[in-house]
Amino acid sequence: MVLHQSLKEKADAGLNIKITKDMKISDVIEKYPEAIMIFINHGLGCVGCSSSSHDTIEQGCKIHALDTGQLLEELNDFVKNH
């Protein structure tokens, strides 16, 4: 039994996806490449740097002094419609 599934595996399995503050930035971008613009528009230009592979959304927001809740709301609205 697999205890941890990546965002991509969950989406591929048809599971309902909700992006959370604990998800790695790179996992979200891997499944939803179009979401890069949402990160950039919020001031998270690190979507292409090595930090995105180990930083969570919450960590990235703290580093850049951004509102995690606002970013998550916009990301989840995007996911819901795609």
N, C-alpha and C. Protein backbone atom coordinates (compact mmCIF):
# COMPACT_ATOMS: atom_id res chain seq x y z
N MET A 1 0.84 -1.18 0.00
CA MET A 1 0.00 0.00 0.00
C MET A 1 0.89 1.24 0.00
N VAL A 2 0.58 2.18 -0.86
CA VAL A 2 1.33 3.43 -0.96
C VAL A 2 0.72 4.44 0.00
N LEU A 3 1.55 4.92 0.91
CA LEU A 3 1.05 5.88 1.90
C LEU A 3 1.13 7.32 1.39
N HIS A 4 2.04 7.57 0.48
CA HIS A 4 2.22 8.93 -0.03
C HIS A 4 2.14 8.90 -1.55
N GLN A 5 1.28 9.71 -2.09
CA GLN A 5 1.18 9.84 -3.53
C GLN A 5 1.52 11.28 -3.90
N SER A 6 2.22 11.43 -5.01
CA SER A 6 2.51 12.78 -5.48
C SER A 6 1.23 13.41 -6.01
N LEU A 7 1.26 14.71 -6.17
CA LEU A 7 0.12 15.44 -6.71
C LEU A 7 -0.24 14.89 -8.08
N LYS A 8 0.76 14.59 -8.89
CA LYS A 8 0.52 14.05 -10.23
C LYS A 8 -0.15 12.69 -10.15
N GLU A 9 0.29 11.83 -9.26
CA GLU A 9 -0.31 10.51 -9.11
C GLU A 9 -1.77 10.61 -8.67
N LYS A 10 -2.04 11.52 -7.75
CA LYS A 10 -3.42 11.71 -7.30
C LYS A 10 -4.31 12.20 -8.43
N ALA A 11 -3.83 13.16 -9.18
CA ALA A 11 -4.61 13.70 -10.29
C ALA A 11 -4.82 12.65 -11.36
N ASP A 12 -3.77 11.89 -11.67
CA ASP A 12 -3.88 10.83 -12.67
C ASP A 12 -4.86 9.76 -12.24
N ALA A 13 -5.01 9.55 -10.94
CA ALA A 13 -5.93 8.55 -10.42
C ALA A 13 -7.36 9.09 -10.34
N GLY A 14 -7.54 10.34 -10.71
CA GLY A 14 -8.86 10.94 -10.69
C GLY A 14 -9.31 11.41 -9.32
N LEU A 15 -8.37 11.53 -8.40
CA LEU A 15 -8.72 11.99 -7.06
C LEU A 15 -8.90 13.50 -7.04
N ASN A 16 -9.77 13.96 -6.17
CA ASN A 16 -10.00 15.39 -6.02
C ASN A 16 -8.75 16.03 -5.44
N ILE A 17 -8.23 17.03 -6.09
CA ILE A 17 -6.99 17.68 -5.69
C ILE A 17 -7.28 19.00 -5.01
N LYS A 18 -6.66 19.21 -3.88
CA LYS A 18 -6.68 20.51 -3.21
C LYS A 18 -5.24 20.84 -2.89
N ILE A 19 -4.80 21.96 -3.38
CA ILE A 19 -3.43 22.40 -3.13
C ILE A 19 -3.37 22.96 -1.71
N THR A 20 -2.36 22.51 -0.96
CA THR A 20 -2.20 22.94 0.42
C THR A 20 -0.84 23.60 0.61
N LYS A 21 -0.69 24.29 1.72
CA LYS A 21 0.55 25.01 2.03
C LYS A 21 1.73 24.07 2.20
N ASP A 22 1.48 22.80 2.48
CA ASP A 22 2.55 21.83 2.71
C ASP A 22 3.07 21.17 1.43
N MET A 23 2.46 21.47 0.30
CA MET A 23 2.90 20.87 -0.96
C MET A 23 4.13 21.58 -1.49
N LYS A 24 4.99 20.81 -2.11
CA LYS A 24 6.18 21.39 -2.73
C LYS A 24 5.77 22.17 -3.97
N ILE A 25 6.40 23.31 -4.15
CA ILE A 25 6.11 24.16 -5.30
C ILE A 25 6.29 23.38 -6.59
N SER A 26 7.36 22.60 -6.68
CA SER A 26 7.65 21.84 -7.90
C SER A 26 6.58 20.80 -8.21
N ASP A 27 5.96 20.20 -7.18
CA ASP A 27 4.89 19.23 -7.42
C ASP A 27 3.68 19.87 -8.07
N VAL A 28 3.35 21.07 -7.62
CA VAL A 28 2.21 21.79 -8.20
C VAL A 28 2.51 22.16 -9.65
N ILE A 29 3.70 22.66 -9.89
CA ILE A 29 4.08 23.07 -11.24
C ILE A 29 4.18 21.88 -12.19
N GLU A 30 4.63 20.75 -11.67
CA GLU A 30 4.73 19.55 -12.50
C GLU A 30 3.36 19.15 -13.05
N LYS A 31 2.34 19.20 -12.21
CA LYS A 31 1.00 18.81 -12.64
C LYS A 31 0.29 19.93 -13.38
N TYR A 32 0.50 21.15 -12.97
CA TYR A 32 -0.19 22.30 -13.56
C TYR A 32 0.83 23.35 -14.02
N PRO A 33 1.53 23.11 -15.12
CA PRO A 33 2.55 24.06 -15.58
C PRO A 33 2.01 25.48 -15.80
N GLU A 34 0.73 25.57 -16.14
CA GLU A 34 0.13 26.89 -16.36
C GLU A 34 0.05 27.70 -15.07
N ALA A 35 0.15 27.02 -13.94
CA ALA A 35 0.08 27.70 -12.64
C ALA A 35 1.34 28.52 -12.35
N ILE A 36 2.37 28.34 -13.16
CA ILE A 36 3.59 29.14 -12.97
C ILE A 36 3.27 30.63 -12.93
N MET A 37 2.37 31.06 -13.79
CA MET A 37 2.04 32.48 -13.84
C MET A 37 1.37 32.95 -12.54
N ILE A 38 0.65 32.10 -11.89
CA ILE A 38 0.04 32.46 -10.60
C ILE A 38 1.14 32.69 -9.57
N PHE A 39 2.10 31.78 -9.51
CA PHE A 39 3.22 31.96 -8.59
C PHE A 39 3.97 33.26 -8.89
N ILE A 40 4.28 33.49 -10.15
CA ILE A 40 5.02 34.69 -10.56
C ILE A 40 4.23 35.95 -10.23
N ASN A 41 2.93 35.95 -10.53
CA ASN A 41 2.10 37.12 -10.25
C ASN A 41 2.03 37.44 -8.76
N HIS A 42 2.24 36.45 -7.93
CA HIS A 42 2.23 36.66 -6.48
C HIS A 42 3.62 37.00 -5.94
N GLY A 43 4.62 37.03 -6.81
CA GLY A 43 5.96 37.38 -6.38
C GLY A 43 6.87 36.20 -6.08
N LEU A 44 6.44 35.01 -6.45
CA LEU A 44 7.26 33.81 -6.26
C LEU A 44 7.91 33.44 -7.58
N GLY A 45 8.97 34.15 -7.90
CA GLY A 45 9.67 33.91 -9.16
C GLY A 45 10.61 32.72 -9.08
N CYS A 46 10.66 32.06 -7.93
CA CYS A 46 11.59 30.94 -7.75
C CYS A 46 11.06 29.65 -8.35
N VAL A 47 10.02 29.71 -9.15
CA VAL A 47 9.44 28.49 -9.69
C VAL A 47 10.42 27.71 -10.57
N GLY A 48 11.43 28.38 -11.07
CA GLY A 48 12.41 27.69 -11.91
C GLY A 48 13.72 27.39 -11.21
N CYS A 49 13.85 27.80 -9.97
CA CYS A 49 15.12 27.58 -9.27
C CYS A 49 15.08 26.28 -8.48
N SER A 50 16.23 25.87 -7.98
CA SER A 50 16.32 24.60 -7.27
C SER A 50 15.51 24.59 -5.97
N SER A 51 15.24 25.74 -5.40
CA SER A 51 14.46 25.80 -4.15
C SER A 51 13.05 25.26 -4.32
N SER A 52 12.51 25.38 -5.52
CA SER A 52 11.13 24.93 -5.73
C SER A 52 10.98 23.42 -5.57
N SER A 53 12.08 22.68 -5.68
CA SER A 53 11.98 21.23 -5.55
C SER A 53 11.96 20.76 -4.09
N HIS A 54 12.33 21.63 -3.18
CA HIS A 54 12.28 21.23 -1.77
C HIS A 54 11.48 22.19 -0.90
N ASP A 55 11.20 23.40 -1.36
CA ASP A 55 10.40 24.35 -0.58
C ASP A 55 8.91 24.08 -0.77
N THR A 56 8.19 24.15 0.33
CA THR A 56 6.73 24.07 0.25
C THR A 56 6.20 25.45 -0.14
N ILE A 57 4.93 25.49 -0.46
CA ILE A 57 4.30 26.77 -0.78
C ILE A 57 4.40 27.70 0.43
N GLU A 58 4.17 27.17 1.61
CA GLU A 58 4.25 28.00 2.82
C GLU A 58 5.66 28.56 3.01
N GLN A 59 6.67 27.74 2.83
CA GLN A 59 8.05 28.20 2.99
C GLN A 59 8.38 29.30 1.97
N GLY A 60 7.97 29.10 0.73
CA GLY A 60 8.22 30.11 -0.30
C GLY A 60 7.54 31.42 0.02
N CYS A 61 6.31 31.33 0.53
CA CYS A 61 5.58 32.55 0.88
C CYS A 61 6.25 33.27 2.06
N LYS A 62 6.73 32.51 3.03
CA LYS A 62 7.41 33.13 4.18
C LYS A 62 8.69 33.82 3.74
N ILE A 63 9.46 33.15 2.90
CA ILE A 63 10.73 33.72 2.41
C ILE A 63 10.49 35.04 1.69
N HIS A 64 9.40 35.11 0.93
CA HIS A 64 9.11 36.30 0.12
C HIS A 64 8.07 37.21 0.76
N ALA A 65 7.70 36.94 2.03
CA ALA A 65 6.72 37.75 2.77
C ALA A 65 5.41 37.91 2.01
N LEU A 66 4.87 36.76 1.57
CA LEU A 66 3.63 36.75 0.79
C LEU A 66 2.50 36.13 1.61
N ASP A 67 1.29 36.42 1.21
CA ASP A 67 0.09 35.89 1.85
C ASP A 67 -0.18 34.48 1.32
N THR A 68 0.09 33.48 2.15
CA THR A 68 -0.08 32.08 1.74
C THR A 68 -1.54 31.78 1.39
N GLY A 69 -2.45 32.26 2.19
CA GLY A 69 -3.88 32.01 1.97
C GLY A 69 -4.37 32.52 0.64
N GLN A 70 -3.94 33.72 0.29
CA GLN A 70 -4.37 34.32 -0.98
C GLN A 70 -3.83 33.51 -2.17
N LEU A 71 -2.57 33.11 -2.09
CA LEU A 71 -1.97 32.31 -3.16
C LEU A 71 -2.69 30.97 -3.28
N LEU A 72 -2.94 30.30 -2.16
CA LEU A 72 -3.63 29.01 -2.19
C LEU A 72 -5.03 29.12 -2.76
N GLU A 73 -5.72 30.18 -2.42
CA GLU A 73 -7.07 30.39 -2.94
C GLU A 73 -7.04 30.49 -4.47
N GLU A 74 -6.11 31.26 -4.98
CA GLU A 74 -6.02 31.42 -6.43
C GLU A 74 -5.58 30.12 -7.12
N LEU A 75 -4.63 29.41 -6.51
CA LEU A 75 -4.20 28.13 -7.09
C LEU A 75 -5.33 27.12 -7.11
N ASN A 76 -6.08 27.03 -6.03
CA ASN A 76 -7.18 26.07 -5.96
C ASN A 76 -8.33 26.45 -6.90
N ASP A 77 -8.57 27.73 -7.09
CA ASP A 77 -9.56 28.15 -8.08
C ASP A 77 -9.12 27.71 -9.48
N PHE A 78 -7.83 27.86 -9.75
CA PHE A 78 -7.28 27.45 -11.03
C PHE A 78 -7.44 25.94 -11.24
N VAL A 79 -7.07 25.15 -10.22
CA VAL A 79 -7.15 23.68 -10.31
C VAL A 79 -8.59 23.23 -10.51
N LYS A 80 -9.50 23.88 -9.81
CA LYS A 80 -10.91 23.51 -9.91
C LYS A 80 -11.43 23.68 -11.34
N ASN A 81 -10.90 24.65 -12.05
CA ASN A 81 -11.37 24.96 -13.39
C ASN A 81 -10.54 24.32 -14.50
N HIS A 82 -9.57 23.48 -14.15
CA HIS A 82 -8.74 22.83 -15.18
C HIS A 82 -8.70 21.35 -15.03
